[in-house]
């Protein structure tokens, strides 16, 4: 989940997330398989492009079991399989 003011920076962050295998489920929310190590890699890459004085990015690592307990109402979203953890950004 993120709030990034600059359009170019927002697009760059979205590209970083896609490169790491995440899928967009909302305008500013991506989700996909991952781990704490991948979350750290993403955090390093994102921190190089955002302005921390105006932008915020939340990276949440959720175990696969918790993800499987979610409720989805409506269409869309990521239905991919995960090995053990899911990243929500």
Protein backbone atom coordinates (compact mmCIF):
# COMPACT_ATOMS: atom_id res chain seq x y z
CA UNK A 1 0.00 0.00 0.00
CA UNK A 2 1.46 3.31 -0.90
CA UNK A 3 0.79 7.01 -1.20
CA UNK A 4 3.24 8.60 -3.63
CA UNK A 5 2.68 12.14 -4.84
CA UNK A 6 4.80 12.21 -8.02
CA UNK A 7 3.34 10.33 -11.01
CA UNK A 8 6.75 9.32 -12.42
CA UNK A 9 7.91 8.00 -9.05
CA UNK A 10 4.62 6.14 -8.60
CA UNK A 11 5.08 4.48 -12.00
CA UNK A 12 8.68 3.57 -11.13
CA UNK A 13 7.58 1.97 -7.85
CA UNK A 14 4.87 0.02 -9.69
CA UNK A 15 7.52 -1.21 -12.15
CA UNK A 16 9.76 -2.34 -9.26
CA UNK A 17 6.86 -4.27 -7.74
CA UNK A 18 5.98 -5.92 -11.06
CA UNK A 19 9.64 -6.90 -11.60
CA UNK A 20 9.49 -8.67 -8.23
CA UNK A 21 6.44 -10.67 -9.36
CA UNK A 22 3.70 -8.75 -7.60
CA UNK A 23 0.29 -8.04 -9.16
CA UNK A 24 -1.80 -4.90 -8.78
CA UNK A 25 -5.10 -5.51 -6.97
CA UNK A 26 -5.97 -1.83 -6.39
CA UNK A 27 -4.54 1.45 -7.69
CA UNK A 28 -1.98 1.57 -4.91
CA UNK A 29 -1.95 -2.02 -3.65
CA UNK A 30 0.12 -4.88 -5.01
CA UNK A 31 0.21 -8.47 -3.77
CA UNK A 32 2.16 -11.58 -4.59
CA UNK A 33 4.31 -14.41 -3.33
CA UNK A 34 7.30 -13.42 -1.29
CA UNK A 35 9.32 -13.59 1.88
CA UNK A 36 11.00 -11.25 4.36
CA UNK A 37 14.12 -11.34 2.18
CA UNK A 38 12.17 -10.27 -0.91
CA UNK A 39 10.39 -7.61 1.17
CA UNK A 40 13.81 -6.23 2.20
CA UNK A 41 14.96 -6.21 -1.44
CA UNK A 42 11.83 -4.33 -2.47
CA UNK A 43 12.22 -1.89 0.43
CA UNK A 44 15.80 -1.11 -0.64
CA UNK A 45 14.78 -0.58 -4.27
CA UNK A 46 11.77 1.56 -3.39
CA UNK A 47 13.69 3.68 -0.87
CA UNK A 48 16.03 4.74 -3.69
CA UNK A 49 13.20 6.31 -5.71
CA UNK A 50 10.66 7.74 -3.26
CA UNK A 51 10.85 10.97 -1.28
CA UNK A 52 10.38 9.88 2.35
CA UNK A 53 9.33 13.37 3.36
CA UNK A 54 6.19 13.20 1.18
CA UNK A 55 5.71 9.54 0.22
CA UNK A 56 4.89 6.42 2.23
CA UNK A 57 5.08 2.73 1.31
CA UNK A 58 3.83 -0.07 3.56
CA UNK A 59 5.22 -3.56 3.02
CA UNK A 60 3.38 -6.30 4.87
CA UNK A 61 4.50 -9.95 4.93
CA UNK A 62 1.55 -12.25 5.56
CA UNK A 63 1.77 -16.00 6.01
CA UNK A 64 -0.02 -18.01 3.35
CA UNK A 65 -2.52 -19.35 5.88
CA UNK A 66 -3.64 -15.83 6.88
CA UNK A 67 -3.94 -14.86 3.21
CA UNK A 68 -6.13 -17.89 2.58
CA UNK A 69 -8.50 -16.67 5.32
CA UNK A 70 -9.24 -13.34 3.57
CA UNK A 71 -12.66 -12.41 2.21
CA UNK A 72 -12.88 -11.03 -1.33
CA UNK A 73 -16.09 -9.38 -2.44
CA UNK A 74 -16.28 -8.60 -6.13
CA UNK A 75 -13.98 -9.43 -9.00
CA UNK A 76 -10.28 -8.87 -9.36
CA UNK A 77 -7.46 -9.53 -7.03
CA UNK A 78 -4.60 -11.96 -6.98
CA UNK A 79 -5.50 -15.62 -6.70
CA UNK A 80 -1.99 -16.94 -7.18
CA UNK A 81 -0.46 -19.65 -5.08
CA UNK A 82 2.23 -18.88 -2.55
CA UNK A 83 4.88 -21.12 -1.08
CA UNK A 84 4.67 -19.77 2.47
CA UNK A 85 4.29 -16.00 2.55
CA UNK A 86 2.42 -13.28 0.69
CA UNK A 87 3.61 -9.70 0.29
CA UNK A 88 1.10 -6.87 0.40
CA UNK A 89 2.43 -3.53 -0.76
